[in-house]
């Protein structure tokens, strides 16, 4: 009996079609959370606007690297070309946006687009600039930092915020810190009391491999300045909370507009109060 083929999702996932001549928002999604997280955004956009998510999780050489040690057999430029090929011709206005590492890809995409097809601006959703000052070697991603990000991710994935005291992870290694995260997640109702620590460790390791993949793809990438204005929407609990611009000014010769939305790096994609900030920026000319 023949084994069924693995069915991967389409790279371009249309969540809502634009009205004839209307604006289509193309949003680059690097994974971590399922692309269905954008259903709320599709509903929040004004009537007549469309939303298509460009899902890197459907690109095997990118997605599989988060399961095999975080080393992707591709480049930022190759991924940008893959996403551009997935975009459908539009008879109306287009907006391009990218969340997290998706912002790095979105910038590479606009650089590769013919000038006549470029959108009027690029919207970055809590994305860290791929400049030399913001690139970090793998060993700079310490357990305390990664575990804090993982707690935010876990809370968004489970629909329950996993709150940690400011110094809860101080001095922790991965194993000790995961015990702290597990206790907080159980207390928040995000995980069941009998959740085994090895299972949480497996989820954490996959999460970290995904971060390392993006870090390693960014390291050799040398971005050119954006040929259009940039709009940055920073979550109140960003991955780098004390940095207002996340490193984008050197890449924004045509202007950088800053906005803040409620939530953290992950929940900003699904909270209605965050979407009320984000949706107008994706649609307004």
C-alpha atoms as a PDB file:
ATOM      1  CA  UNK A   1       0.000   0.000   0.000  1.00  0.00           C
ATOM      2  CA  UNK A   2       1.370   3.377  -1.017  1.00  0.00           C
ATOM      3  CA  UNK A   3       2.078   5.804   1.824  1.00  0.00           C
ATOM      4  CA  UNK A   4       0.095   9.015   1.563  1.00  0.00           C
ATOM      5  CA  UNK A   5       2.185  12.011   0.600  1.00  0.00           C
ATOM      6  CA  UNK A   6       2.756  14.674   3.199  1.00  0.00           C
ATOM      7  CA  UNK A   7       0.528  17.613   2.402  1.00  0.00           C
ATOM      8  CA  UNK A   8       2.124  20.985   3.126  1.00  0.00           C
ATOM      9  CA  UNK A   9       0.117  24.184   3.275  1.00  0.00           C
ATOM     10  CA  UNK A  10       0.363  26.667   0.453  1.00  0.00           C
ATOM     11  CA  UNK A  11       2.985  29.386   0.823  1.00  0.00           C
ATOM     12  CA  UNK A  12       0.414  32.051  -0.035  1.00  0.00           C
ATOM     13  CA  UNK A  13      -2.600  31.557   2.254  1.00  0.00           C
ATOM     14  CA  UNK A  14      -5.508  33.808   1.403  1.00  0.00           C
ATOM     15  CA  UNK A  15      -7.517  34.673   4.503  1.00  0.00           C
ATOM     16  CA  UNK A  16      -9.684  37.254   2.808  1.00  0.00           C
ATOM     17  CA  UNK A  17     -10.071  38.401  -0.792  1.00  0.00           C
ATOM     18  CA  UNK A  18      -9.949  42.087  -1.653  1.00  0.00           C
ATOM     19  CA  UNK A  19     -12.848  43.730  -3.428  1.00  0.00           C
ATOM     20  CA  UNK A  20     -12.126  44.624  -7.083  1.00  0.00           C
ATOM     21  CA  UNK A  21      -9.533  47.367  -7.043  1.00  0.00           C
ATOM     22  CA  UNK A  22      -9.197  47.096  -3.247  1.00  0.00           C
ATOM     23  CA  UNK A  23      -6.067  46.819  -1.149  1.00  0.00           C
ATOM     24  CA  UNK A  24      -4.456  43.445  -0.497  1.00  0.00           C
ATOM     25  CA  UNK A  25      -2.204  43.060   2.531  1.00  0.00           C
ATOM     26  CA  UNK A  26       0.599  40.529   2.090  1.00  0.00           C
ATOM     27  CA  UNK A  27       2.062  39.551   5.458  1.00  0.00           C
ATOM     28  CA  UNK A  28       5.228  37.477   5.826  1.00  0.00           C
ATOM     29  CA  UNK A  29       4.851  34.932   8.638  1.00  0.00           C
ATOM     30  CA  UNK A  30       7.957  33.023   9.824  1.00  0.00           C
ATOM     31  CA  UNK A  31       6.138  30.377  11.821  1.00  0.00           C
ATOM     32  CA  UNK A  32       6.383  29.694  15.571  1.00  0.00           C
ATOM     33  CA  UNK A  33       2.619  30.266  15.871  1.00  0.00           C
ATOM     34  CA  UNK A  34       0.218  28.732  13.362  1.00  0.00           C
ATOM     35  CA  UNK A  35      -0.733  31.020  10.495  1.00  0.00           C
ATOM     36  CA  UNK A  36      -4.355  30.816  11.639  1.00  0.00           C
ATOM     37  CA  UNK A  37      -3.406  33.432  14.235  1.00  0.00           C
ATOM     38  CA  UNK A  38      -4.149  36.015  11.509  1.00  0.00           C
ATOM     39  CA  UNK A  39      -7.847  35.182  11.308  1.00  0.00           C
ATOM     40  CA  UNK A  40      -8.588  38.005  13.739  1.00  0.00           C
ATOM     41  CA  UNK A  41      -6.590  40.463  11.645  1.00  0.00           C
ATOM     42  CA  UNK A  42      -8.520  39.461   8.523  1.00  0.00           C
ATOM     43  CA  UNK A  43     -11.755  40.247  10.349  1.00  0.00           C
ATOM     44  CA  UNK A  44     -10.426  43.574  11.662  1.00  0.00           C
ATOM     45  CA  UNK A  45      -9.362  44.976   8.290  1.00  0.00           C
ATOM     46  CA  UNK A  46     -11.906  47.351   6.690  1.00  0.00           C
ATOM     47  CA  UNK A  47     -14.490  46.068   4.245  1.00  0.00           C
ATOM     48  CA  UNK A  48     -13.002  45.545   0.805  1.00  0.00           C
ATOM     49  CA  UNK A  49      -9.482  44.863   2.061  1.00  0.00           C
ATOM     50  CA  UNK A  50      -7.840  41.494   1.535  1.00  0.00           C
ATOM     51  CA  UNK A  51      -5.252  39.546   3.522  1.00  0.00           C
ATOM     52  CA  UNK A  52      -2.838  36.944   2.193  1.00  0.00           C
ATOM     53  CA  UNK A  53      -0.287  35.435   4.567  1.00  0.00           C
ATOM     54  CA  UNK A  54       3.033  34.345   3.058  1.00  0.00           C
ATOM     55  CA  UNK A  55       3.768  31.378   5.311  1.00  0.00           C
ATOM     56  CA  UNK A  56       7.412  30.357   5.578  1.00  0.00           C
ATOM     57  CA  UNK A  57       6.216  27.239   7.362  1.00  0.00           C
ATOM     58  CA  UNK A  58       5.255  25.924   3.922  1.00  0.00           C
ATOM     59  CA  UNK A  59       8.832  26.253   2.605  1.00  0.00           C
ATOM     60  CA  UNK A  60      10.529  22.927   3.468  1.00  0.00           C
ATOM     61  CA  UNK A  61      14.125  24.120   3.599  1.00  0.00           C
ATOM     62  CA  UNK A  62      13.093  26.778   6.099  1.00  0.00           C
ATOM     63  CA  UNK A  63      10.500  24.956   8.209  1.00  0.00           C
ATOM     64  CA  UNK A  64      12.406  21.689   8.551  1.00  0.00           C
ATOM     65  CA  UNK A  65      15.479  23.463   9.934  1.00  0.00           C
ATOM     66  CA  UNK A  66      13.587  24.129  13.169  1.00  0.00           C
ATOM     67  CA  UNK A  67      13.374  20.359  13.657  1.00  0.00           C
ATOM     68  CA  UNK A  68      16.956  19.470  12.751  1.00  0.00           C
ATOM     69  CA  UNK A  69      19.227  21.752  14.749  1.00  0.00           C
ATOM     70  CA  UNK A  70      18.357  25.131  13.296  1.00  0.00           C
ATOM     71  CA  UNK A  71      20.552  25.066  10.178  1.00  0.00           C
ATOM     72  CA  UNK A  72      18.624  26.014   7.060  1.00  0.00           C
ATOM     73  CA  UNK A  73      19.954  25.139   3.614  1.00  0.00           C
ATOM     74  CA  UNK A  74      18.874  28.458   2.111  1.00  0.00           C
ATOM     75  CA  UNK A  75      19.449  32.213   2.361  1.00  0.00           C
ATOM     76  CA  UNK A  76      17.407  35.323   3.073  1.00  0.00           C
ATOM     77  CA  UNK A  77      17.639  36.268  -0.592  1.00  0.00           C
ATOM     78  CA  UNK A  78      16.464  32.849  -1.808  1.00  0.00           C
ATOM     79  CA  UNK A  79      13.538  32.890   0.617  1.00  0.00           C
ATOM     80  CA  UNK A  80      12.571  36.388  -0.531  1.00  0.00           C
ATOM     81  CA  UNK A  81      12.509  35.184  -4.135  1.00  0.00           C
ATOM     82  CA  UNK A  82      10.368  32.202  -3.100  1.00  0.00           C
ATOM     83  CA  UNK A  83       7.827  34.462  -1.408  1.00  0.00           C
ATOM     84  CA  UNK A  84       7.742  36.903  -4.316  1.00  0.00           C
ATOM     85  CA  UNK A  85       6.986  34.008  -6.668  1.00  0.00           C
ATOM     86  CA  UNK A  86       4.048  33.023  -4.449  1.00  0.00           C
ATOM     87  CA  UNK A  87       2.426  36.467  -4.572  1.00  0.00           C
ATOM     88  CA  UNK A  88      -0.514  36.699  -6.927  1.00  0.00           C
ATOM     89  CA  UNK A  89      -0.935  39.605  -9.349  1.00  0.00           C
ATOM     90  CA  UNK A  90      -3.226  42.213  -7.815  1.00  0.00           C
ATOM     91  CA  UNK A  91      -5.385  44.766  -9.618  1.00  0.00           C
ATOM     92  CA  UNK A  92      -5.474  47.050  -6.588  1.00  0.00           C
ATOM     93  CA  UNK A  93      -3.042  48.537  -4.086  1.00  0.00           C
ATOM     94  CA  UNK A  94      -0.758  46.255  -2.104  1.00  0.00           C
ATOM     95  CA  UNK A  95       0.673  46.572   1.388  1.00  0.00           C
ATOM     96  CA  UNK A  96       3.607  44.413   2.461  1.00  0.00           C
ATOM     97  CA  UNK A  97       4.223  43.598   6.121  1.00  0.00           C
ATOM     98  CA  UNK A  98       6.315  41.172   8.129  1.00  0.00           C
ATOM     99  CA  UNK A  99       6.151  39.924  11.701  1.00  0.00           C
ATOM    100  CA  UNK A 100       9.362  39.157  13.600  1.00  0.00           C
ATOM    101  CA  UNK A 101      11.906  37.555  11.219  1.00  0.00           C
ATOM    102  CA  UNK A 102       9.270  38.069   8.529  1.00  0.00           C
ATOM    103  CA  UNK A 103      10.218  41.747   8.540  1.00  0.00           C
ATOM    104  CA  UNK A 104      13.752  40.854   7.445  1.00  0.00           C
ATOM    105  CA  UNK A 105      12.304  38.834   4.559  1.00  0.00           C
ATOM    106  CA  UNK A 106       9.842  41.595   3.659  1.00  0.00           C
ATOM    107  CA  UNK A 107      12.669  44.126   3.361  1.00  0.00           C
ATOM    108  CA  UNK A 108      14.599  41.756   1.081  1.00  0.00           C
ATOM    109  CA  UNK A 109      11.437  41.336  -0.998  1.00  0.00           C
ATOM    110  CA  UNK A 110      10.926  45.054  -1.616  1.00  0.00           C
ATOM    111  CA  UNK A 111      14.580  45.392  -2.563  1.00  0.00           C
ATOM    112  CA  UNK A 112      14.076  42.649  -5.176  1.00  0.00           C
ATOM    113  CA  UNK A 113      10.792  44.041  -6.551  1.00  0.00           C
ATOM    114  CA  UNK A 114      10.675  46.181  -9.696  1.00  0.00           C
ATOM    115  CA  UNK A 115      10.154  49.787  -8.597  1.00  0.00           C
ATOM    116  CA  UNK A 116       6.759  49.942 -10.316  1.00  0.00           C
ATOM    117  CA  UNK A 117       5.419  47.045  -8.227  1.00  0.00           C
ATOM    118  CA  UNK A 118       6.645  48.154  -4.818  1.00  0.00           C
ATOM    119  CA  UNK A 119       4.089  49.053  -2.162  1.00  0.00           C
ATOM    120  CA  UNK A 120       4.032  52.590  -0.804  1.00  0.00           C
ATOM    121  CA  UNK A 121       5.492  51.494   2.558  1.00  0.00           C
ATOM    122  CA  UNK A 122       6.649  48.479   4.529  1.00  0.00           C
ATOM    123  CA  UNK A 123       5.026  47.629   7.876  1.00  0.00           C
ATOM    124  CA  UNK A 124       7.222  45.818  10.410  1.00  0.00           C
ATOM    125  CA  UNK A 125       5.533  44.024  13.309  1.00  0.00           C
ATOM    126  CA  UNK A 126       7.972  43.809  16.242  1.00  0.00           C
ATOM    127  CA  UNK A 127      10.778  42.918  13.853  1.00  0.00           C
ATOM    128  CA  UNK A 128      14.442  43.352  14.789  1.00  0.00           C
ATOM    129  CA  UNK A 129      16.606  45.007  12.125  1.00  0.00           C
ATOM    130  CA  UNK A 130      19.210  42.767  10.423  1.00  0.00           C
ATOM    131  CA  UNK A 131      22.012  45.299  10.935  1.00  0.00           C
ATOM    132  CA  UNK A 132      25.470  44.427  12.245  1.00  0.00           C
ATOM    133  CA  UNK A 133      24.782  46.092  15.604  1.00  0.00           C
ATOM    134  CA  UNK A 134      21.750  43.851  16.175  1.00  0.00           C
ATOM    135  CA  UNK A 135      23.201  40.554  15.027  1.00  0.00           C
ATOM    136  CA  UNK A 136      24.183  38.210  17.835  1.00  0.00           C
ATOM    137  CA  UNK A 137      26.306  35.059  17.827  1.00  0.00           C
ATOM    138  CA  UNK A 138      24.451  31.942  18.909  1.00  0.00           C
ATOM    139  CA  UNK A 139      26.183  31.831  22.285  1.00  0.00           C
ATOM    140  CA  UNK A 140      24.910  35.339  23.113  1.00  0.00           C
ATOM    141  CA  UNK A 141      21.381  33.905  23.315  1.00  0.00           C
ATOM    142  CA  UNK A 142      21.594  32.928  26.973  1.00  0.00           C
ATOM    143  CA  UNK A 143      19.082  30.602  28.691  1.00  0.00           C
ATOM    144  CA  UNK A 144      17.557  33.360  30.836  1.00  0.00           C
ATOM    145  CA  UNK A 145      16.751  35.407  27.726  1.00  0.00           C
ATOM    146  CA  UNK A 146      15.480  32.451  25.706  1.00  0.00           C
ATOM    147  CA  UNK A 147      13.356  31.100  28.542  1.00  0.00           C
ATOM    148  CA  UNK A 148      11.646  34.466  28.982  1.00  0.00           C
ATOM    149  CA  UNK A 149      10.796  34.546  25.285  1.00  0.00           C
ATOM    150  CA  UNK A 150       9.667  30.925  25.451  1.00  0.00           C
ATOM    151  CA  UNK A 151       7.277  31.740  28.312  1.00  0.00           C
ATOM    152  CA  UNK A 152       5.673  34.461  26.158  1.00  0.00           C
ATOM    153  CA  UNK A 153       5.433  32.041  23.230  1.00  0.00           C
ATOM    154  CA  UNK A 154       3.932  29.313  25.386  1.00  0.00           C
ATOM    155  CA  UNK A 155       1.340  31.709  26.778  1.00  0.00           C
ATOM    156  CA  UNK A 156       0.282  32.812  23.296  1.00  0.00           C
ATOM    157  CA  UNK A 157       0.182  29.234  22.031  1.00  0.00           C
ATOM    158  CA  UNK A 158      -1.986  28.090  24.950  1.00  0.00           C
ATOM    159  CA  UNK A 159      -4.138  31.200  25.189  1.00  0.00           C
ATOM    160  CA  UNK A 160      -3.106  31.939  28.779  1.00  0.00           C
ATOM    161  CA  UNK A 161      -0.417  34.452  29.732  1.00  0.00           C
ATOM    162  CA  UNK A 162       2.504  32.841  31.548  1.00  0.00           C
ATOM    163  CA  UNK A 163       3.727  35.596  33.851  1.00  0.00           C
ATOM    164  CA  UNK A 164       7.138  35.401  35.467  1.00  0.00           C
ATOM    165  CA  UNK A 165       8.625  37.600  38.166  1.00  0.00           C
ATOM    166  CA  UNK A 166      11.330  39.935  36.758  1.00  0.00           C
ATOM    167  CA  UNK A 167      14.157  37.955  38.364  1.00  0.00           C
ATOM    168  CA  UNK A 168      12.557  34.509  38.212  1.00  0.00           C
ATOM    169  CA  UNK A 169      15.042  33.210  35.645  1.00  0.00           C
ATOM    170  CA  UNK A 170      18.145  34.953  36.952  1.00  0.00           C
ATOM    171  CA  UNK A 171      21.092  32.557  36.964  1.00  0.00           C
ATOM    172  CA  UNK A 172      19.020  29.635  35.665  1.00  0.00           C
ATOM    173  CA  UNK A 173      20.284  27.139  33.163  1.00  0.00           C
ATOM    174  CA  UNK A 174      17.816  25.638  30.685  1.00  0.00           C
ATOM    175  CA  UNK A 175      16.723  22.749  32.917  1.00  0.00           C
ATOM    176  CA  UNK A 176      16.277  24.853  36.037  1.00  0.00           C
ATOM    177  CA  UNK A 177      14.547  27.620  34.125  1.00  0.00           C
ATOM    178  CA  UNK A 178      12.126  25.212  32.488  1.00  0.00           C
ATOM    179  CA  UNK A 179      11.000  24.079  35.919  1.00  0.00           C
ATOM    180  CA  UNK A 180      10.215  27.725  36.736  1.00  0.00           C
ATOM    181  CA  UNK A 181       8.332  28.136  33.451  1.00  0.00           C
ATOM    182  CA  UNK A 182       6.425  24.899  33.988  1.00  0.00           C
ATOM    183  CA  UNK A 183       5.299  25.950  37.474  1.00  0.00           C
ATOM    184  CA  UNK A 184       4.174  29.364  36.154  1.00  0.00           C
ATOM    185  CA  UNK A 185       2.376  27.782  33.189  1.00  0.00           C
ATOM    186  CA  UNK A 186       0.497  25.356  35.440  1.00  0.00           C
ATOM    187  CA  UNK A 187      -0.461  28.198  37.787  1.00  0.00           C
ATOM    188  CA  UNK A 188      -1.759  30.203  34.815  1.00  0.00           C
ATOM    189  CA  UNK A 189      -3.782  27.279  33.463  1.00  0.00           C
ATOM    190  CA  UNK A 190      -1.660  27.138  30.312  1.00  0.00           C
ATOM    191  CA  UNK A 191      -0.473  23.600  31.087  1.00  0.00           C
ATOM    192  CA  UNK A 192      -1.976  20.708  33.045  1.00  0.00           C
ATOM    193  CA  UNK A 193      -0.466  19.900  36.457  1.00  0.00           C
ATOM    194  CA  UNK A 194       0.778  16.518  35.219  1.00  0.00           C
ATOM    195  CA  UNK A 195       2.661  17.982  32.218  1.00  0.00           C
ATOM    196  CA  UNK A 196       6.013  16.147  32.098  1.00  0.00           C
ATOM    197  CA  UNK A 197       9.132  18.281  32.118  1.00  0.00           C
ATOM    198  CA  UNK A 198      10.786  16.244  29.301  1.00  0.00           C
ATOM    199  CA  UNK A 199       7.837  17.059  27.038  1.00  0.00           C
ATOM    200  CA  UNK A 200       8.207  20.755  27.782  1.00  0.00           C
ATOM    201  CA  UNK A 201      11.939  20.476  27.150  1.00  0.00           C
ATOM    202  CA  UNK A 202      11.272  19.026  23.698  1.00  0.00           C
ATOM    203  CA  UNK A 203       8.986  21.947  22.855  1.00  0.00           C
ATOM    204  CA  UNK A 204      11.588  24.391  24.179  1.00  0.00           C
ATOM    205  CA  UNK A 205      14.390  22.804  22.135  1.00  0.00           C
ATOM    206  CA  UNK A 206      12.315  23.059  18.947  1.00  0.00           C
ATOM    207  CA  UNK A 207      11.506  26.694  19.777  1.00  0.00           C
ATOM    208  CA  UNK A 208      15.197  27.498  20.293  1.00  0.00           C
ATOM    209  CA  UNK A 209      16.172  25.734  17.071  1.00  0.00           C
ATOM    210  CA  UNK A 210      13.726  28.014  15.256  1.00  0.00           C
ATOM    211  CA  UNK A 211      15.365  31.085  16.786  1.00  0.00           C
ATOM    212  CA  UNK A 212      18.828  29.791  15.911  1.00  0.00           C
ATOM    213  CA  UNK A 213      17.729  29.167  12.329  1.00  0.00           C
ATOM    214  CA  UNK A 214      16.636  32.791  11.952  1.00  0.00           C
ATOM    215  CA  UNK A 215      19.782  34.011  13.710  1.00  0.00           C
ATOM    216  CA  UNK A 216      21.999  31.999  11.350  1.00  0.00           C
ATOM    217  CA  UNK A 217      20.118  33.139   8.258  1.00  0.00           C
ATOM    218  CA  UNK A 218      20.476  36.771   9.329  1.00  0.00           C
ATOM    219  CA  UNK A 219      24.203  36.560  10.177  1.00  0.00           C
ATOM    220  CA  UNK A 220      25.581  36.559   6.583  1.00  0.00           C
ATOM    221  CA  UNK A 221      22.798  38.769   5.221  1.00  0.00           C
ATOM    222  CA  UNK A 222      23.834  42.303   4.247  1.00  0.00           C
ATOM    223  CA  UNK A 223      20.645  44.342   3.790  1.00  0.00           C
ATOM    224  CA  UNK A 224      20.462  47.464   1.677  1.00  0.00           C
ATOM    225  CA  UNK A 225      18.474  50.466   2.961  1.00  0.00           C
ATOM    226  CA  UNK A 226      14.742  50.339   2.311  1.00  0.00           C
ATOM    227  CA  UNK A 227      13.643  52.106  -0.900  1.00  0.00           C
ATOM    228  CA  UNK A 228      10.405  53.223   0.775  1.00  0.00           C
ATOM    229  CA  UNK A 229       9.156  54.460   4.168  1.00  0.00           C
ATOM    230  CA  UNK A 230       9.097  52.027   7.083  1.00  0.00           C
ATOM    231  CA  UNK A 231       6.407  51.701   9.744  1.00  0.00           C
ATOM    232  CA  UNK A 232       7.374  49.839  12.913  1.00  0.00           C
ATOM    233  CA  UNK A 233       4.742  48.517  15.332  1.00  0.00           C
ATOM    234  CA  UNK A 234       6.444  47.499  18.564  1.00  0.00           C
ATOM    235  CA  UNK A 235       4.713  45.362  21.178  1.00  0.00           C
ATOM    236  CA  UNK A 236       4.682  46.716  24.727  1.00  0.00           C
ATOM    237  CA  UNK A 237       6.488  43.497  25.759  1.00  0.00           C
ATOM    238  CA  UNK A 238       8.807  43.227  22.797  1.00  0.00           C
ATOM    239  CA  UNK A 239      11.719  40.825  22.532  1.00  0.00           C
ATOM    240  CA  UNK A 240      13.880  43.902  23.226  1.00  0.00           C
ATOM    241  CA  UNK A 241      11.532  45.945  25.432  1.00  0.00           C
ATOM    242  CA  UNK A 242      13.853  48.883  26.113  1.00  0.00           C
ATOM    243  CA  UNK A 243      14.663  49.622  22.454  1.00  0.00           C
ATOM    244  CA  UNK A 244      12.148  51.916  20.742  1.00  0.00           C
ATOM    245  CA  UNK A 245      13.344  51.452  17.148  1.00  0.00           C
ATOM    246  CA  UNK A 246      14.695  47.847  17.200  1.00  0.00           C
ATOM    247  CA  UNK A 247      17.628  49.039  15.086  1.00  0.00           C
ATOM    248  CA  UNK A 248      15.763  50.182  11.952  1.00  0.00           C
ATOM    249  CA  UNK A 249      16.895  53.856  11.553  1.00  0.00           C
ATOM    250  CA  UNK A 250      20.021  53.033   9.440  1.00  0.00           C
ATOM    251  CA  UNK A 251      17.810  51.131   6.992  1.00  0.00           C
ATOM    252  CA  UNK A 252      15.123  53.824   6.763  1.00  0.00           C
ATOM    253  CA  UNK A 253      16.420  56.747   4.655  1.00  0.00           C
ATOM    254  CA  UNK A 254      12.844  57.472   3.514  1.00  0.00           C
ATOM    255  CA  UNK A 255      11.482  57.678   7.051  1.00  0.00           C
ATOM    256  CA  UNK A 256      10.590  55.487  10.015  1.00  0.00           C
ATOM    257  CA  UNK A 257       7.258  55.874  11.800  1.00  0.00           C
ATOM    258  CA  UNK A 258       6.935  54.292  15.247  1.00  0.00           C
ATOM    259  CA  UNK A 259       3.838  52.851  16.910  1.00  0.00           C
ATOM    260  CA  UNK A 260       3.235  50.741  20.010  1.00  0.00           C
ATOM    261  CA  UNK A 261       0.526  48.142  20.550  1.00  0.00           C
ATOM    262  CA  UNK A 262      -0.600  46.186  23.623  1.00  0.00           C
ATOM    263  CA  UNK A 263       0.590  42.670  24.328  1.00  0.00           C
ATOM    264  CA  UNK A 264       3.883  40.891  23.821  1.00  0.00           C
ATOM    265  CA  UNK A 265       5.798  39.717  20.771  1.00  0.00           C
ATOM    266  CA  UNK A 266       3.398  36.792  20.269  1.00  0.00           C
ATOM    267  CA  UNK A 267       0.038  37.935  21.628  1.00  0.00           C
ATOM    268  CA  UNK A 268       0.149  41.141  19.540  1.00  0.00           C
ATOM    269  CA  UNK A 269      -1.026  39.035  16.583  1.00  0.00           C
ATOM    270  CA  UNK A 270      -4.278  37.947  18.237  1.00  0.00           C
ATOM    271  CA  UNK A 271      -5.345  40.550  20.795  1.00  0.00           C
ATOM    272  CA  UNK A 272      -8.235  42.720  19.636  1.00  0.00           C
ATOM    273  CA  UNK A 273      -6.711  45.848  21.205  1.00  0.00           C
ATOM    274  CA  UNK A 274      -3.455  45.193  19.335  1.00  0.00           C
ATOM    275  CA  UNK A 275      -5.253  44.554  16.060  1.00  0.00           C
ATOM    276  CA  UNK A 276      -7.069  47.860  16.469  1.00  0.00           C
ATOM    277  CA  UNK A 277      -3.638  49.504  16.275  1.00  0.00           C
ATOM    278  CA  UNK A 278      -2.192  47.297  13.524  1.00  0.00           C
ATOM    279  CA  UNK A 279      -5.088  47.044  11.051  1.00  0.00           C
ATOM    280  CA  UNK A 280      -5.347  50.777  10.188  1.00  0.00           C
ATOM    281  CA  UNK A 281      -1.595  50.945   9.571  1.00  0.00           C
ATOM    282  CA  UNK A 282      -1.879  48.107   7.051  1.00  0.00           C
ATOM    283  CA  UNK A 283      -4.745  49.711   5.172  1.00  0.00           C
ATOM    284  CA  UNK A 284      -4.322  53.484   5.342  1.00  0.00           C
ATOM    285  CA  UNK A 285      -2.550  55.127   2.405  1.00  0.00           C
END
